[in-house]
Amino acid sequence: MRSELALQNTQLTPEIVATVLKVHGWTWKSCGAAAGLIGGMIAPLLGLGLTALAWFVTRWHGVPLKKTGAILLFLTLPLLIFGAHCLDLIDHENNHSSVHAPERHASRS
């Protein structure tokens, strides 16, 4: 039952994201999450494109396309893992601060 209630209250809207970024700013965790997740989505697309291009062209302006495409394809999973790890750190930080926030207010009164 608790998980259902938690899922109902965690609607991610652009207004909430903008508010969180205004309050906390761009930290290394939020930048790492954005770079990891966006890079994890773009890297396989570029890697597939370069690998397909390498079938038709052996060298293009001195850039070895097969190696570059393979490197981008292999970087996909580490980038996604890094982005997810940064999101977990942000979530842990938010949960830790929300759990201890009522204790701080109760001790003041």
N, C-alpha and C. Protein backbone atom coordinates (compact mmCIF):
# COMPACT_ATOMS: atom_id res chain seq x y z
N MET A 1 0.81 -1.20 0.00
CA MET A 1 0.00 0.00 0.00
C MET A 1 0.85 1.26 0.00
N ARG A 2 1.95 1.21 0.72
CA ARG A 2 2.79 2.41 0.81
C ARG A 2 3.39 2.75 -0.55
N SER A 3 3.79 1.74 -1.32
CA SER A 3 4.39 2.01 -2.62
C SER A 3 3.38 2.63 -3.58
N GLU A 4 2.11 2.25 -3.48
CA GLU A 4 1.10 2.85 -4.34
C GLU A 4 0.93 4.33 -4.02
N LEU A 5 0.93 4.66 -2.74
CA LEU A 5 0.80 6.06 -2.35
C LEU A 5 2.01 6.87 -2.78
N ALA A 6 3.17 6.27 -2.68
CA ALA A 6 4.39 6.98 -3.08
C ALA A 6 4.40 7.23 -4.58
N LEU A 7 3.91 6.28 -5.36
CA LEU A 7 3.89 6.46 -6.80
C LEU A 7 2.89 7.51 -7.24
N GLN A 8 1.78 7.64 -6.51
CA GLN A 8 0.78 8.63 -6.88
C GLN A 8 1.29 10.05 -6.65
N ASN A 9 2.15 10.25 -5.67
CA ASN A 9 2.61 11.59 -5.32
C ASN A 9 3.87 12.00 -6.06
N THR A 10 4.45 11.14 -6.87
CA THR A 10 5.71 11.46 -7.54
C THR A 10 5.48 11.71 -9.03
N GLN A 11 4.66 12.67 -9.33
CA GLN A 11 4.45 13.05 -10.72
C GLN A 11 5.51 14.07 -11.10
N LEU A 12 6.27 13.75 -12.14
CA LEU A 12 7.37 14.61 -12.56
C LEU A 12 6.87 15.52 -13.69
N THR A 13 6.70 16.78 -13.39
CA THR A 13 6.26 17.74 -14.39
C THR A 13 7.39 18.75 -14.62
N PRO A 14 7.37 19.44 -15.74
CA PRO A 14 8.42 20.44 -15.99
C PRO A 14 8.48 21.53 -14.92
N GLU A 15 7.36 21.87 -14.31
CA GLU A 15 7.36 22.89 -13.27
C GLU A 15 8.12 22.41 -12.04
N ILE A 16 7.94 21.13 -11.69
CA ILE A 16 8.64 20.58 -10.53
C ILE A 16 10.14 20.52 -10.80
N VAL A 17 10.51 20.09 -12.00
CA VAL A 17 11.93 20.02 -12.36
C VAL A 17 12.56 21.40 -12.33
N ALA A 18 11.86 22.39 -12.88
CA ALA A 18 12.39 23.76 -12.88
C ALA A 18 12.52 24.30 -11.45
N THR A 19 11.57 24.00 -10.59
CA THR A 19 11.63 24.45 -9.21
C THR A 19 12.80 23.81 -8.47
N VAL A 20 12.99 22.50 -8.68
CA VAL A 20 14.10 21.81 -8.01
C VAL A 20 15.44 22.38 -8.48
N LEU A 21 15.56 22.65 -9.77
CA LEU A 21 16.81 23.20 -10.28
C LEU A 21 17.04 24.63 -9.77
N LYS A 22 15.98 25.40 -9.58
CA LYS A 22 16.14 26.74 -9.03
C LYS A 22 16.58 26.69 -7.57
N VAL A 23 16.05 25.73 -6.82
CA VAL A 23 16.38 25.63 -5.41
C VAL A 23 17.78 25.07 -5.21
N HIS A 24 18.08 23.95 -5.86
CA HIS A 24 19.36 23.28 -5.65
C HIS A 24 20.44 23.72 -6.63
N GLY A 25 20.06 24.25 -7.78
CA GLY A 25 21.04 24.66 -8.78
C GLY A 25 21.61 23.46 -9.54
N TRP A 26 22.52 23.76 -10.44
CA TRP A 26 23.17 22.71 -11.23
C TRP A 26 24.38 22.21 -10.45
N THR A 27 24.22 21.10 -9.77
CA THR A 27 25.32 20.49 -9.04
C THR A 27 26.00 19.47 -9.94
N TRP A 28 27.09 18.87 -9.45
CA TRP A 28 27.77 17.86 -10.26
C TRP A 28 26.88 16.64 -10.42
N LYS A 29 25.98 16.40 -9.47
CA LYS A 29 25.09 15.24 -9.58
C LYS A 29 24.06 15.45 -10.68
N SER A 30 23.47 16.64 -10.73
CA SER A 30 22.47 16.89 -11.76
C SER A 30 23.12 16.98 -13.14
N CYS A 31 24.30 17.58 -13.23
CA CYS A 31 25.02 17.63 -14.51
C CYS A 31 25.45 16.23 -14.95
N GLY A 32 25.91 15.42 -14.01
CA GLY A 32 26.30 14.05 -14.33
C GLY A 32 25.13 13.22 -14.79
N ALA A 33 23.97 13.40 -14.15
CA ALA A 33 22.78 12.66 -14.56
C ALA A 33 22.35 13.07 -15.96
N ALA A 34 22.35 14.37 -16.23
CA ALA A 34 21.96 14.84 -17.57
C ALA A 34 22.94 14.36 -18.63
N ALA A 35 24.24 14.51 -18.35
CA ALA A 35 25.25 14.09 -19.33
C ALA A 35 25.22 12.59 -19.55
N GLY A 36 25.07 11.82 -18.49
CA GLY A 36 25.05 10.37 -18.61
C GLY A 36 23.84 9.87 -19.38
N LEU A 37 22.67 10.39 -19.06
CA LEU A 37 21.46 9.91 -19.71
C LEU A 37 21.34 10.40 -21.15
N ILE A 38 21.68 11.65 -21.38
CA ILE A 38 21.62 12.17 -22.76
C ILE A 38 22.71 11.53 -23.61
N GLY A 39 23.92 11.42 -23.05
CA GLY A 39 25.00 10.75 -23.77
C GLY A 39 24.70 9.29 -24.03
N GLY A 40 24.03 8.63 -23.08
CA GLY A 40 23.66 7.24 -23.24
C GLY A 40 22.60 7.02 -24.31
N MET A 41 21.86 8.07 -24.64
CA MET A 41 20.88 7.95 -25.73
C MET A 41 21.48 8.35 -27.07
N ILE A 42 22.43 9.27 -27.07
CA ILE A 42 23.00 9.75 -28.33
C ILE A 42 24.14 8.85 -28.81
N ALA A 43 24.93 8.31 -27.89
CA ALA A 43 26.10 7.50 -28.25
C ALA A 43 25.76 6.30 -29.13
N PRO A 44 24.72 5.53 -28.84
CA PRO A 44 24.45 4.39 -29.72
C PRO A 44 23.98 4.81 -31.11
N LEU A 45 23.26 5.91 -31.17
CA LEU A 45 22.81 6.39 -32.48
C LEU A 45 23.99 6.81 -33.34
N LEU A 46 24.91 7.58 -32.75
CA LEU A 46 26.10 7.97 -33.49
C LEU A 46 26.98 6.77 -33.81
N GLY A 47 27.10 5.86 -32.85
CA GLY A 47 27.91 4.66 -33.07
C GLY A 47 27.36 3.80 -34.20
N LEU A 48 26.06 3.63 -34.25
CA LEU A 48 25.45 2.86 -35.34
C LEU A 48 25.61 3.57 -36.68
N GLY A 49 25.46 4.89 -36.66
CA GLY A 49 25.63 5.65 -37.90
C GLY A 49 27.05 5.58 -38.43
N LEU A 50 28.02 5.72 -37.54
CA LEU A 50 29.42 5.64 -37.97
C LEU A 50 29.80 4.23 -38.42
N THR A 51 29.26 3.23 -37.74
CA THR A 51 29.55 1.85 -38.14
C THR A 51 28.94 1.54 -39.50
N ALA A 52 27.73 2.00 -39.73
CA ALA A 52 27.11 1.80 -41.04
C ALA A 52 27.86 2.56 -42.12
N LEU A 53 28.32 3.75 -41.82
CA LEU A 53 29.09 4.53 -42.78
C LEU A 53 30.43 3.86 -43.07
N ALA A 54 30.99 3.19 -42.08
CA ALA A 54 32.28 2.51 -42.26
C ALA A 54 32.19 1.35 -43.24
N TRP A 55 31.00 0.80 -43.43
CA TRP A 55 30.84 -0.27 -44.41
C TRP A 55 31.07 0.24 -45.83
N PHE A 56 30.74 1.50 -46.05
CA PHE A 56 30.83 2.06 -47.40
C PHE A 56 32.12 2.85 -47.63
N VAL A 57 32.65 3.45 -46.58
CA VAL A 57 33.85 4.27 -46.70
C VAL A 57 34.88 3.72 -45.72
N THR A 58 36.07 3.40 -46.20
CA THR A 58 37.07 2.85 -45.29
C THR A 58 37.71 3.94 -44.44
N ARG A 59 38.03 5.08 -45.03
CA ARG A 59 38.57 6.22 -44.26
C ARG A 59 37.86 7.48 -44.71
N TRP A 60 37.61 8.34 -43.71
CA TRP A 60 36.94 9.59 -44.02
C TRP A 60 37.68 10.70 -43.30
N HIS A 61 38.45 11.46 -44.01
CA HIS A 61 39.25 12.56 -43.46
C HIS A 61 40.19 12.08 -42.36
N GLY A 62 40.70 10.90 -42.49
CA GLY A 62 41.67 10.39 -41.53
C GLY A 62 41.07 9.86 -40.24
N VAL A 63 39.74 9.80 -40.13
CA VAL A 63 39.10 9.31 -38.91
C VAL A 63 38.75 7.84 -39.11
N PRO A 64 39.26 6.95 -38.30
CA PRO A 64 38.88 5.54 -38.43
C PRO A 64 37.44 5.33 -37.91
N LEU A 65 36.52 5.16 -38.83
CA LEU A 65 35.11 5.13 -38.47
C LEU A 65 34.73 3.88 -37.68
N LYS A 66 35.32 2.75 -38.00
CA LYS A 66 34.96 1.52 -37.29
C LYS A 66 35.31 1.61 -35.82
N LYS A 67 36.50 2.12 -35.52
CA LYS A 67 36.92 2.23 -34.12
C LYS A 67 36.06 3.25 -33.36
N THR A 68 35.81 4.37 -33.99
CA THR A 68 35.00 5.41 -33.34
C THR A 68 33.58 4.91 -33.10
N GLY A 69 33.00 4.23 -34.08
CA GLY A 69 31.65 3.67 -33.92
C GLY A 69 31.60 2.63 -32.82
N ALA A 70 32.62 1.77 -32.77
CA ALA A 70 32.66 0.74 -31.73
C ALA A 70 32.82 1.34 -30.35
N ILE A 71 33.65 2.36 -30.23
CA ILE A 71 33.85 3.02 -28.93
C ILE A 71 32.55 3.65 -28.46
N LEU A 72 31.84 4.31 -29.37
CA LEU A 72 30.56 4.92 -28.98
C LEU A 72 29.54 3.87 -28.59
N LEU A 73 29.52 2.74 -29.29
CA LEU A 73 28.59 1.69 -28.93
C LEU A 73 28.92 1.10 -27.56
N PHE A 74 30.20 0.93 -27.25
CA PHE A 74 30.59 0.38 -25.95
C PHE A 74 30.39 1.39 -24.82
N LEU A 75 30.41 2.67 -25.12
CA LEU A 75 30.21 3.69 -24.08
C LEU A 75 28.75 3.86 -23.66
N THR A 76 27.84 3.28 -24.41
CA THR A 76 26.42 3.46 -24.12
C THR A 76 26.07 2.99 -22.71
N LEU A 77 26.41 1.77 -22.38
CA LEU A 77 26.04 1.22 -21.08
C LEU A 77 26.73 1.95 -19.91
N PRO A 78 28.03 2.22 -19.97
CA PRO A 78 28.62 2.99 -18.85
C PRO A 78 28.01 4.39 -18.68
N LEU A 79 27.66 5.04 -19.77
CA LEU A 79 27.04 6.36 -19.65
C LEU A 79 25.67 6.27 -18.98
N LEU A 80 24.88 5.28 -19.37
CA LEU A 80 23.57 5.11 -18.76
C LEU A 80 23.70 4.73 -17.28
N ILE A 81 24.67 3.89 -16.95
CA ILE A 81 24.88 3.51 -15.55
C ILE A 81 25.31 4.73 -14.74
N PHE A 82 26.21 5.55 -15.29
CA PHE A 82 26.64 6.76 -14.59
C PHE A 82 25.48 7.72 -14.37
N GLY A 83 24.64 7.93 -15.39
CA GLY A 83 23.49 8.81 -15.24
C GLY A 83 22.51 8.30 -14.20
N ALA A 84 22.27 6.98 -14.19
CA ALA A 84 21.36 6.40 -13.20
C ALA A 84 21.95 6.50 -11.80
N HIS A 85 23.26 6.33 -11.68
CA HIS A 85 23.91 6.46 -10.37
C HIS A 85 23.77 7.89 -9.84
N CYS A 86 23.96 8.87 -10.70
CA CYS A 86 23.80 10.26 -10.26
C CYS A 86 22.35 10.55 -9.85
N LEU A 87 21.39 9.97 -10.55
CA LEU A 87 19.99 10.13 -10.16
C LEU A 87 19.72 9.47 -8.82
N ASP A 88 20.33 8.32 -8.57
CA ASP A 88 20.18 7.66 -7.27
C ASP A 88 20.78 8.51 -6.15
N LEU A 89 21.92 9.14 -6.42
CA LEU A 89 22.52 10.02 -5.41
C LEU A 89 21.61 11.20 -5.10
N ILE A 90 21.01 11.78 -6.13
CA ILE A 90 20.10 12.90 -5.92
C ILE A 90 18.88 12.44 -5.14
N ASP A 91 18.34 11.27 -5.48
CA ASP A 91 17.17 10.74 -4.79
C ASP A 91 17.50 10.42 -3.33
N HIS A 92 18.67 9.84 -3.09
CA HIS A 92 19.08 9.54 -1.72
C HIS A 92 19.24 10.83 -0.91
N GLU A 93 19.81 11.85 -1.53
CA GLU A 93 19.98 13.13 -0.85
C GLU A 93 18.63 13.75 -0.51
N ASN A 94 17.67 13.68 -1.44
CA ASN A 94 16.34 14.24 -1.19
C ASN A 94 15.59 13.45 -0.12
N ASN A 95 15.71 12.11 -0.14
CA ASN A 95 15.05 11.31 0.88
C ASN A 95 15.68 11.53 2.25
N HIS A 96 16.99 11.65 2.28
CA HIS A 96 17.69 11.87 3.56
C HIS A 96 17.30 13.22 4.17
N SER A 97 17.19 14.24 3.34
CA SER A 97 16.83 15.56 3.87
C SER A 97 15.37 15.61 4.27
N SER A 98 14.47 14.89 3.56
CA SER A 98 13.05 14.93 3.92
C SER A 98 12.77 14.11 5.18
N VAL A 99 13.57 13.07 5.44
CA VAL A 99 13.38 12.27 6.64
C VAL A 99 13.81 13.04 7.87
N HIS A 100 14.92 13.77 7.79
CA HIS A 100 15.44 14.49 8.95
C HIS A 100 14.85 15.88 9.11
N ALA A 101 14.10 16.36 8.15
CA ALA A 101 13.52 17.69 8.25
C ALA A 101 12.50 17.80 9.39
N PRO A 102 11.57 16.83 9.60
CA PRO A 102 10.63 16.98 10.72
C PRO A 102 11.33 16.95 12.08
N GLU A 103 12.44 16.21 12.19
CA GLU A 103 13.16 16.16 13.47
C GLU A 103 13.73 17.53 13.82
N ARG A 104 14.24 18.23 12.82
CA ARG A 104 14.84 19.54 13.07
C ARG A 104 13.75 20.52 13.54
N HIS A 105 12.58 20.46 12.89
CA HIS A 105 11.51 21.38 13.27
C HIS A 105 10.94 21.03 14.64
N ALA A 106 10.88 19.75 14.96
CA ALA A 106 10.34 19.35 16.25
C ALA A 106 11.27 19.74 17.40
N SER A 107 12.56 19.69 17.16
CA SER A 107 13.50 20.01 18.24
C SER A 107 13.54 21.52 18.52
N ARG A 108 13.18 22.33 17.56
CA ARG A 108 13.18 23.79 17.77
C ARG A 108 12.00 24.25 18.62
N SER A 109 10.87 23.53 18.52
CA SER A 109 9.70 23.98 19.27
C SER A 109 9.65 23.48 20.68
